All heavy atoms as atom14 arrays in JSON, in Angstrom:
{
  "sequence": "IVALLAVLAETFRRLVTTRPRSRVEAVVADGTMGLYLGWVCVA",
  "atom14_mask": [
    [1, 1, 1, 1, 1, 1, 1, 1, 0, 0, 0, 0, 0, 0],
    [1, 1, 1, 1, 1, 1, 1, 0, 0, 0, 0, 0, 0, 0],
    [1, 1, 1, 1, 1, 0, 0, 0, 0, 0, 0, 0, 0, 0],
    [1, 1, 1, 1, 1, 1, 1, 1, 0, 0, 0, 0, 0, 0],
    [1, 1, 1, 1, 1, 1, 1, 1, 0, 0, 0, 0, 0, 0],
    [1, 1, 1, 1, 1, 0, 0, 0, 0, 0, 0, 0, 0, 0],
    [1, 1, 1, 1, 1, 1, 1, 0, 0, 0, 0, 0, 0, 0],
    [1, 1, 1, 1, 1, 1, 1, 1, 0, 0, 0, 0, 0, 0],
    [1, 1, 1, 1, 1, 0, 0, 0, 0, 0, 0, 0, 0, 0],
    [1, 1, 1, 1, 1, 1, 1, 1, 1, 0, 0, 0, 0, 0],
    [1, 1, 1, 1, 1, 1, 1, 0, 0, 0, 0, 0, 0, 0],
    [1, 1, 1, 1, 1, 1, 1, 1, 1, 1, 1, 0, 0, 0],
    [1, 1, 1, 1, 1, 1, 1, 1, 1, 1, 1, 0, 0, 0],
    [1, 1, 1, 1, 1, 1, 1, 1, 1, 1, 1, 0, 0, 0],
    [1, 1, 1, 1, 1, 1, 1, 1, 0, 0, 0, 0, 0, 0],
    [1, 1, 1, 1, 1, 1, 1, 0, 0, 0, 0, 0, 0, 0],
    [1, 1, 1, 1, 1, 1, 1, 0, 0, 0, 0, 0, 0, 0],
    [1, 1, 1, 1, 1, 1, 1, 0, 0, 0, 0, 0, 0, 0],
    [1, 1, 1, 1, 1, 1, 1, 1, 1, 1, 1, 0, 0, 0],
    [1, 1, 1, 1, 1, 1, 1, 0, 0, 0, 0, 0, 0, 0],
    [1, 1, 1, 1, 1, 1, 1, 1, 1, 1, 1, 0, 0, 0],
    [1, 1, 1, 1, 1, 1, 0, 0, 0, 0, 0, 0, 0, 0],
    [1, 1, 1, 1, 1, 1, 1, 1, 1, 1, 1, 0, 0, 0],
    [1, 1, 1, 1, 1, 1, 1, 0, 0, 0, 0, 0, 0, 0],
    [1, 1, 1, 1, 1, 1, 1, 1, 1, 0, 0, 0, 0, 0],
    [1, 1, 1, 1, 1, 0, 0, 0, 0, 0, 0, 0, 0, 0],
    [1, 1, 1, 1, 1, 1, 1, 0, 0, 0, 0, 0, 0, 0],
    [1, 1, 1, 1, 1, 1, 1, 0, 0, 0, 0, 0, 0, 0],
    [1, 1, 1, 1, 1, 0, 0, 0, 0, 0, 0, 0, 0, 0],
    [1, 1, 1, 1, 1, 1, 1, 1, 0, 0, 0, 0, 0, 0],
    [1, 1, 1, 1, 0, 0, 0, 0, 0, 0, 0, 0, 0, 0],
    [1, 1, 1, 1, 1, 1, 1, 0, 0, 0, 0, 0, 0, 0],
    [1, 1, 1, 1, 1, 1, 1, 1, 0, 0, 0, 0, 0, 0],
    [1, 1, 1, 1, 0, 0, 0, 0, 0, 0, 0, 0, 0, 0],
    [1, 1, 1, 1, 1, 1, 1, 1, 0, 0, 0, 0, 0, 0],
    [1, 1, 1, 1, 1, 1, 1, 1, 1, 1, 1, 1, 0, 0],
    [1, 1, 1, 1, 1, 1, 1, 1, 0, 0, 0, 0, 0, 0],
    [1, 1, 1, 1, 0, 0, 0, 0, 0, 0, 0, 0, 0, 0],
    [1, 1, 1, 1, 1, 1, 1, 1, 1, 1, 1, 1, 1, 1],
    [1, 1, 1, 1, 1, 1, 1, 0, 0, 0, 0, 0, 0, 0],
    [1, 1, 1, 1, 1, 1, 0, 0, 0, 0, 0, 0, 0, 0],
    [1, 1, 1, 1, 1, 1, 1, 0, 0, 0, 0, 0, 0, 0],
    [1, 1, 1, 1, 1, 0, 0, 0, 0, 0, 0, 0, 0, 0]
  ],
  "atom14_positions": [
    [[229.24, 76.15, 48.08], [230.3, 76.88, 48.76], [231.4, 77.42, 47.73], [231.95, 78.48, 47.92], [230.98, 76.04, 49.87], [231.61, 76.96, 50.89], [231.93, 74.98, 49.34], [232.12, 76.31, 52.16], [0.0, 0.0, 0.0], [0.0, 0.0, 0.0], [0.0, 0.0, 0.0], [0.0, 0.0, 0.0], [0.0, 0.0, 0.0], [0.0, 0.0, 0.0]],
    [[231.6, 76.64, 46.66], [232.43, 77.15, 45.64], [231.85, 78.4, 44.95], [232.63, 79.38, 44.68], [232.74, 76.05, 44.58], [233.48, 76.6, 43.33], [233.54, 74.95, 45.23], [0.0, 0.0, 0.0], [0.0, 0.0, 0.0], [0.0, 0.0, 0.0], [0.0, 0.0, 0.0], [0.0, 0.0, 0.0], [0.0, 0.0, 0.0], [0.0, 0.0, 0.0]],
    [[230.57, 78.41, 44.75], [229.92, 79.62, 44.2], [230.01, 80.73, 45.17], [230.3, 81.87, 44.81], [228.41, 79.24, 43.94], [0.0, 0.0, 0.0], [0.0, 0.0, 0.0], [0.0, 0.0, 0.0], [0.0, 0.0, 0.0], [0.0, 0.0, 0.0], [0.0, 0.0, 0.0], [0.0, 0.0, 0.0], [0.0, 0.0, 0.0], [0.0, 0.0, 0.0]],
    [[229.86, 80.44, 46.49], [230.0, 81.5, 47.47], [231.44, 82.04, 47.42], [231.65, 83.24, 47.49], [229.71, 80.9, 48.89], [229.99, 81.84, 50.05], [229.18, 83.09, 49.97], [229.64, 81.04, 51.37], [0.0, 0.0, 0.0], [0.0, 0.0, 0.0], [0.0, 0.0, 0.0], [0.0, 0.0, 0.0], [0.0, 0.0, 0.0], [0.0, 0.0, 0.0]],
    [[232.42, 81.16, 47.35], [233.84, 81.58, 47.32], [234.07, 82.53, 46.01], [234.74, 83.55, 46.14], [234.78, 80.37, 47.2], [236.27, 80.62, 47.14], [236.7, 81.44, 48.4], [237.01, 79.32, 47.01], [0.0, 0.0, 0.0], [0.0, 0.0, 0.0], [0.0, 0.0, 0.0], [0.0, 0.0, 0.0], [0.0, 0.0, 0.0], [0.0, 0.0, 0.0]],
    [[233.47, 82.17, 44.92], [233.61, 82.98, 43.75], [233.0, 84.39, 43.9], [233.61, 85.36, 43.5], [232.98, 82.3, 42.51], [0.0, 0.0, 0.0], [0.0, 0.0, 0.0], [0.0, 0.0, 0.0], [0.0, 0.0, 0.0], [0.0, 0.0, 0.0], [0.0, 0.0, 0.0], [0.0, 0.0, 0.0], [0.0, 0.0, 0.0], [0.0, 0.0, 0.0]],
    [[231.86, 84.42, 44.56], [231.21, 85.73, 44.78], [232.03, 86.6, 45.69], [232.24, 87.77, 45.43], [229.8, 85.49, 45.42], [229.2, 86.81, 45.96], [228.84, 84.93, 44.34], [0.0, 0.0, 0.0], [0.0, 0.0, 0.0], [0.0, 0.0, 0.0], [0.0, 0.0, 0.0], [0.0, 0.0, 0.0], [0.0, 0.0, 0.0], [0.0, 0.0, 0.0]],
    [[232.61, 85.96, 46.78], [233.39, 86.72, 47.73], [234.73, 87.18, 47.08], [235.2, 88.24, 47.38], [233.71, 85.86, 48.9], [232.41, 85.55, 49.78], [232.75, 84.58, 50.95], [231.83, 86.85, 50.35], [0.0, 0.0, 0.0], [0.0, 0.0, 0.0], [0.0, 0.0, 0.0], [0.0, 0.0, 0.0], [0.0, 0.0, 0.0], [0.0, 0.0, 0.0]],
    [[235.26, 86.33, 46.18], [236.51, 86.71, 45.46], [236.25, 87.95, 44.62], [237.09, 88.82, 44.58], [236.99, 85.52, 44.65], [0.0, 0.0, 0.0], [0.0, 0.0, 0.0], [0.0, 0.0, 0.0], [0.0, 0.0, 0.0], [0.0, 0.0, 0.0], [0.0, 0.0, 0.0], [0.0, 0.0, 0.0], [0.0, 0.0, 0.0], [0.0, 0.0, 0.0]],
    [[235.13, 87.96, 43.93], [234.8, 89.11, 43.05], [234.58, 90.35, 43.91], [234.94, 91.46, 43.6], [233.59, 88.8, 42.22], [233.04, 90.03, 41.47], [234.07, 90.67, 40.49], [235.06, 90.06, 40.09], [233.79, 91.88, 40.06], [0.0, 0.0, 0.0], [0.0, 0.0, 0.0], [0.0, 0.0, 0.0], [0.0, 0.0, 0.0], [0.0, 0.0, 0.0]],
    [[233.9, 90.15, 45.12], [233.65, 91.28, 45.98], [235.07, 91.86, 46.43], [235.26, 93.07, 46.5], [232.92, 90.82, 47.21], [231.69, 90.24, 46.81], [232.58, 91.99, 48.1], [0.0, 0.0, 0.0], [0.0, 0.0, 0.0], [0.0, 0.0, 0.0], [0.0, 0.0, 0.0], [0.0, 0.0, 0.0], [0.0, 0.0, 0.0], [0.0, 0.0, 0.0]],
    [[235.99, 90.97, 46.81], [237.31, 91.35, 47.24], [238.02, 92.16, 46.14], [238.64, 93.14, 46.42], [238.1, 90.11, 47.6], [239.42, 90.37, 48.23], [239.66, 90.91, 49.52], [240.63, 90.15, 47.43], [240.88, 91.11, 50.03], [241.82, 90.34, 47.99], [242.01, 90.89, 49.24], [0.0, 0.0, 0.0], [0.0, 0.0, 0.0], [0.0, 0.0, 0.0]],
    [[237.86, 91.69, 44.88], [238.54, 92.34, 43.78], [238.05, 93.79, 43.66], [238.82, 94.68, 43.49], [238.24, 91.61, 42.51], [238.93, 92.14, 41.27], [238.42, 91.61, 39.94], [237.1, 92.15, 39.72], [236.77, 93.3, 39.22], [237.77, 94.16, 38.9], [235.49, 93.6, 38.99], [0.0, 0.0, 0.0], [0.0, 0.0, 0.0], [0.0, 0.0, 0.0]],
    [[236.7, 93.94, 43.75], [236.15, 95.29, 43.69], [236.57, 96.22, 44.79], [236.82, 97.39, 44.63], [234.66, 95.18, 43.62], [234.09, 94.54, 42.36], [232.62, 94.65, 42.2], [232.07, 93.78, 41.18], [230.86, 93.76, 40.68], [229.95, 94.51, 41.33], [230.48, 93.02, 39.71], [0.0, 0.0, 0.0], [0.0, 0.0, 0.0], [0.0, 0.0, 0.0]],
    [[236.73, 95.6, 45.98], [237.15, 96.43, 47.11], [238.58, 96.8, 47.06], [239.0, 97.89, 47.45], [236.88, 95.63, 48.39], [235.41, 95.41, 48.75], [235.25, 94.55, 49.98], [234.76, 96.81, 49.09], [0.0, 0.0, 0.0], [0.0, 0.0, 0.0], [0.0, 0.0, 0.0], [0.0, 0.0, 0.0], [0.0, 0.0, 0.0], [0.0, 0.0, 0.0]],
    [[239.42, 95.95, 46.52], [240.81, 96.21, 46.37], [241.09, 97.34, 45.33], [241.96, 98.19, 45.44], [241.66, 94.94, 46.05], [243.07, 95.28, 45.59], [241.68, 94.03, 47.23], [0.0, 0.0, 0.0], [0.0, 0.0, 0.0], [0.0, 0.0, 0.0], [0.0, 0.0, 0.0], [0.0, 0.0, 0.0], [0.0, 0.0, 0.0], [0.0, 0.0, 0.0]],
    [[240.3, 97.33, 44.24], [240.5, 98.26, 43.15], [239.81, 99.6, 43.38], [239.94, 100.48, 42.51], [239.99, 97.67, 41.8], [238.66, 97.22, 41.95], [240.86, 96.47, 41.39], [0.0, 0.0, 0.0], [0.0, 0.0, 0.0], [0.0, 0.0, 0.0], [0.0, 0.0, 0.0], [0.0, 0.0, 0.0], [0.0, 0.0, 0.0], [0.0, 0.0, 0.0]],
    [[239.13, 99.77, 44.48], [238.55, 101.08, 44.83], [238.69, 101.29, 46.3], [238.3, 100.48, 47.17], [237.01, 101.14, 44.46], [236.34, 100.01, 45.15], [236.76, 101.02, 43.02], [0.0, 0.0, 0.0], [0.0, 0.0, 0.0], [0.0, 0.0, 0.0], [0.0, 0.0, 0.0], [0.0, 0.0, 0.0], [0.0, 0.0, 0.0], [0.0, 0.0, 0.0]],
    [[239.37, 102.38, 46.6], [239.65, 102.72, 48.1], [238.37, 102.95, 48.8], [237.44, 103.66, 48.31], [240.58, 103.86, 48.2], [242.04, 103.5, 47.97], [242.91, 104.66, 48.22], [244.25, 104.45, 47.68], [245.08, 105.4, 47.34], [244.74, 106.63, 47.52], [246.24, 105.08, 46.8], [0.0, 0.0, 0.0], [0.0, 0.0, 0.0], [0.0, 0.0, 0.0]],
    [[238.34, 102.63, 50.07], [237.2, 103.02, 50.92], [237.2, 104.55, 51.05], [238.31, 105.19, 51.09], [237.42, 102.36, 52.31], [238.92, 102.03, 52.23], [239.3, 101.82, 50.82], [0.0, 0.0, 0.0], [0.0, 0.0, 0.0], [0.0, 0.0, 0.0], [0.0, 0.0, 0.0], [0.0, 0.0, 0.0], [0.0, 0.0, 0.0], [0.0, 0.0, 0.0]],
    [[236.01, 105.15, 51.29], [235.9, 106.62, 51.36], [236.09, 107.06, 52.81], [236.25, 108.28, 53.03], [234.58, 107.06, 50.78], [234.43, 106.84, 49.28], [232.98, 106.7, 48.93], [232.33, 105.47, 49.43], [231.12, 105.26, 49.44], [230.25, 106.08, 48.99], [230.67, 104.09, 49.88], [0.0, 0.0, 0.0], [0.0, 0.0, 0.0], [0.0, 0.0, 0.0]],
    [[236.08, 106.19, 53.72], [236.2, 106.6, 55.11], [236.77, 105.38, 55.92], [236.7, 104.21, 55.43], [234.87, 107.01, 55.7], [234.02, 105.9, 55.84], [0.0, 0.0, 0.0], [0.0, 0.0, 0.0], [0.0, 0.0, 0.0], [0.0, 0.0, 0.0], [0.0, 0.0, 0.0], [0.0, 0.0, 0.0], [0.0, 0.0, 0.0], [0.0, 0.0, 0.0]],
    [[237.23, 105.61, 57.14], [237.71, 104.56, 58.0], [236.56, 103.63, 58.38], [236.78, 102.41, 58.59], [238.46, 105.12, 59.23], [239.64, 105.9, 58.78], [240.56, 106.25, 59.97], [241.64, 107.15, 59.56], [242.74, 106.75, 59.0], [242.92, 105.49, 58.72], [243.68, 107.63, 58.66], [0.0, 0.0, 0.0], [0.0, 0.0, 0.0], [0.0, 0.0, 0.0]],
    [[235.41, 104.19, 58.59], [234.26, 103.37, 58.91], [233.99, 102.37, 57.78], [233.78, 101.15, 58.01], [233.03, 104.17, 59.17], [231.77, 103.31, 59.39], [233.22, 105.03, 60.43], [0.0, 0.0, 0.0], [0.0, 0.0, 0.0], [0.0, 0.0, 0.0], [0.0, 0.0, 0.0], [0.0, 0.0, 0.0], [0.0, 0.0, 0.0], [0.0, 0.0, 0.0]],
    [[233.94, 102.83, 56.51], [233.77, 101.98, 55.4], [234.86, 100.93, 55.33], [234.62, 99.74, 55.0], [233.69, 102.78, 54.08], [233.44, 101.84, 52.9], [233.35, 102.66, 51.58], [233.41, 103.9, 51.58], [233.15, 102.0, 50.55], [0.0, 0.0, 0.0], [0.0, 0.0, 0.0], [0.0, 0.0, 0.0], [0.0, 0.0, 0.0], [0.0, 0.0, 0.0]],
    [[236.09, 101.28, 55.62], [237.23, 100.41, 55.54], [236.99, 99.17, 56.49], [237.35, 98.07, 56.16], [238.53, 101.07, 55.93], [0.0, 0.0, 0.0], [0.0, 0.0, 0.0], [0.0, 0.0, 0.0], [0.0, 0.0, 0.0], [0.0, 0.0, 0.0], [0.0, 0.0, 0.0], [0.0, 0.0, 0.0], [0.0, 0.0, 0.0], [0.0, 0.0, 0.0]],
    [[236.35, 99.44, 57.67], [236.13, 98.37, 58.65], [234.88, 97.56, 58.25], [234.87, 96.33, 58.11], [235.92, 98.91, 59.99], [235.49, 97.86, 60.99], [237.27, 99.56, 60.48], [0.0, 0.0, 0.0], [0.0, 0.0, 0.0], [0.0, 0.0, 0.0], [0.0, 0.0, 0.0], [0.0, 0.0, 0.0], [0.0, 0.0, 0.0], [0.0, 0.0, 0.0]],
    [[233.7, 98.26, 57.97], [232.45, 97.54, 57.8], [232.3, 96.88, 56.47], [231.51, 95.98, 56.3], [231.27, 98.45, 58.16], [231.33, 98.95, 59.62], [231.14, 99.59, 57.23], [0.0, 0.0, 0.0], [0.0, 0.0, 0.0], [0.0, 0.0, 0.0], [0.0, 0.0, 0.0], [0.0, 0.0, 0.0], [0.0, 0.0, 0.0], [0.0, 0.0, 0.0]],
    [[232.91, 97.41, 55.44], [232.86, 96.88, 54.12], [234.06, 95.96, 53.84], [233.95, 94.8, 53.71], [232.73, 97.94, 53.05], [0.0, 0.0, 0.0], [0.0, 0.0, 0.0], [0.0, 0.0, 0.0], [0.0, 0.0, 0.0], [0.0, 0.0, 0.0], [0.0, 0.0, 0.0], [0.0, 0.0, 0.0], [0.0, 0.0, 0.0], [0.0, 0.0, 0.0]],
    [[235.2, 96.6, 53.76], [236.46, 95.87, 53.43], [236.77, 94.84, 54.53], [237.11, 93.74, 54.19], [237.65, 96.81, 53.39], [237.43, 97.83, 52.22], [236.54, 98.65, 52.37], [238.19, 97.79, 51.25], [0.0, 0.0, 0.0], [0.0, 0.0, 0.0], [0.0, 0.0, 0.0], [0.0, 0.0, 0.0], [0.0, 0.0, 0.0], [0.0, 0.0, 0.0]],
    [[236.73, 95.13, 55.83], [237.03, 94.28, 56.87], [236.06, 93.11, 56.94], [236.44, 91.93, 57.06], [0.0, 0.0, 0.0], [0.0, 0.0, 0.0], [0.0, 0.0, 0.0], [0.0, 0.0, 0.0], [0.0, 0.0, 0.0], [0.0, 0.0, 0.0], [0.0, 0.0, 0.0], [0.0, 0.0, 0.0], [0.0, 0.0, 0.0], [0.0, 0.0, 0.0]],
    [[234.82, 93.39, 56.85], [233.77, 92.38, 56.87], [233.91, 91.34, 55.75], [233.98, 90.09, 56.06], [232.36, 92.96, 56.78], [232.1, 93.78, 57.93], [231.26, 91.88, 56.69], [0.0, 0.0, 0.0], [0.0, 0.0, 0.0], [0.0, 0.0, 0.0], [0.0, 0.0, 0.0], [0.0, 0.0, 0.0], [0.0, 0.0, 0.0], [0.0, 0.0, 0.0]],
    [[234.06, 91.85, 54.55], [234.17, 90.92, 53.45], [235.46, 90.18, 53.37], [235.59, 89.08, 52.86], [233.94, 91.61, 52.11], [232.52, 92.4, 52.03], [231.12, 91.35, 52.66], [231.03, 90.09, 51.35], [0.0, 0.0, 0.0], [0.0, 0.0, 0.0], [0.0, 0.0, 0.0], [0.0, 0.0, 0.0], [0.0, 0.0, 0.0], [0.0, 0.0, 0.0]],
    [[236.52, 90.78, 53.98], [237.83, 90.12, 54.04], [237.74, 88.93, 55.03], [238.18, 87.8, 54.69], [0.0, 0.0, 0.0], [0.0, 0.0, 0.0], [0.0, 0.0, 0.0], [0.0, 0.0, 0.0], [0.0, 0.0, 0.0], [0.0, 0.0, 0.0], [0.0, 0.0, 0.0], [0.0, 0.0, 0.0], [0.0, 0.0, 0.0], [0.0, 0.0, 0.0]],
    [[237.12, 89.12, 56.19], [236.92, 88.04, 57.14], [236.14, 86.93, 56.48], [236.48, 85.71, 56.62], [236.17, 88.53, 58.34], [236.94, 89.28, 59.42], [236.07, 89.81, 60.45], [238.16, 88.46, 60.06], [0.0, 0.0, 0.0], [0.0, 0.0, 0.0], [0.0, 0.0, 0.0], [0.0, 0.0, 0.0], [0.0, 0.0, 0.0], [0.0, 0.0, 0.0]],
    [[235.05, 87.31, 55.84], [234.17, 86.39, 55.21], [234.92, 85.48, 54.16], [234.82, 84.29, 54.12], [233.08, 87.16, 54.56], [231.76, 86.48, 54.26], [230.69, 87.26, 53.75], [231.53, 85.17, 54.45], [229.48, 86.75, 53.42], [230.3, 84.57, 54.14], [229.23, 85.38, 53.61], [228.05, 84.77, 53.31], [0.0, 0.0, 0.0], [0.0, 0.0, 0.0]],
    [[235.67, 86.19, 53.29], [236.41, 85.47, 52.19], [237.49, 84.58, 52.8], [237.6, 83.39, 52.42], [237.11, 86.55, 51.37], [238.03, 85.95, 50.26], [237.39, 85.01, 49.32], [238.78, 87.13, 49.56], [0.0, 0.0, 0.0], [0.0, 0.0, 0.0], [0.0, 0.0, 0.0], [0.0, 0.0, 0.0], [0.0, 0.0, 0.0], [0.0, 0.0, 0.0]],
    [[238.27, 85.04, 53.79], [239.34, 84.2, 54.32], [238.78, 82.93, 54.98], [239.34, 81.89, 54.71], [0.0, 0.0, 0.0], [0.0, 0.0, 0.0], [0.0, 0.0, 0.0], [0.0, 0.0, 0.0], [0.0, 0.0, 0.0], [0.0, 0.0, 0.0], [0.0, 0.0, 0.0], [0.0, 0.0, 0.0], [0.0, 0.0, 0.0], [0.0, 0.0, 0.0]],
    [[237.7, 83.06, 55.69], [237.15, 81.84, 56.34], [236.59, 80.84, 55.33], [236.81, 79.68, 55.38], [236.11, 82.2, 57.35], [235.39, 81.02, 57.85], [234.1, 80.66, 57.64], [235.98, 79.99, 58.68], [233.82, 79.43, 58.24], [234.91, 79.04, 58.92], [237.2, 79.82, 59.3], [235.15, 77.89, 59.66], [237.41, 78.71, 60.08], [236.42, 77.78, 60.26]],
    [[235.94, 81.41, 54.28], [235.35, 80.57, 53.27], [236.44, 79.83, 52.47], [236.25, 78.67, 52.04], [234.34, 81.25, 52.36], [233.93, 80.51, 51.17], [233.12, 81.72, 53.2], [0.0, 0.0, 0.0], [0.0, 0.0, 0.0], [0.0, 0.0, 0.0], [0.0, 0.0, 0.0], [0.0, 0.0, 0.0], [0.0, 0.0, 0.0], [0.0, 0.0, 0.0]],
    [[237.63, 80.44, 52.32], [238.75, 79.73, 51.68], [239.1, 78.45, 52.42], [239.27, 77.36, 51.78], [239.98, 80.63, 51.63], [239.9, 82.01, 50.42], [0.0, 0.0, 0.0], [0.0, 0.0, 0.0], [0.0, 0.0, 0.0], [0.0, 0.0, 0.0], [0.0, 0.0, 0.0], [0.0, 0.0, 0.0], [0.0, 0.0, 0.0], [0.0, 0.0, 0.0]],
    [[239.17, 78.59, 53.71], [239.48, 77.39, 54.57], [238.27, 76.41, 54.56], [238.49, 75.21, 54.43], [239.83, 77.8, 55.97], [240.07, 76.59, 56.88], [241.05, 78.74, 56.02], [0.0, 0.0, 0.0], [0.0, 0.0, 0.0], [0.0, 0.0, 0.0], [0.0, 0.0, 0.0], [0.0, 0.0, 0.0], [0.0, 0.0, 0.0], [0.0, 0.0, 0.0]],
    [[237.13, 76.93, 54.72], [235.94, 76.09, 54.78], [235.68, 75.33, 53.56], [235.17, 74.16, 53.58], [234.71, 76.94, 55.12], [0.0, 0.0, 0.0], [0.0, 0.0, 0.0], [0.0, 0.0, 0.0], [0.0, 0.0, 0.0], [0.0, 0.0, 0.0], [0.0, 0.0, 0.0], [0.0, 0.0, 0.0], [0.0, 0.0, 0.0], [0.0, 0.0, 0.0]]
  ]
}
């Protein structure tokens, strides 16, 4: 789970440093991985 957290943290970094190209991408890419990361922080 620590390895999973590290992978999700790097994913989050990449998403923050590059804007989504559409609102759909903002939800299905940024939103999805944000939910995933936040829950794994607690878990």
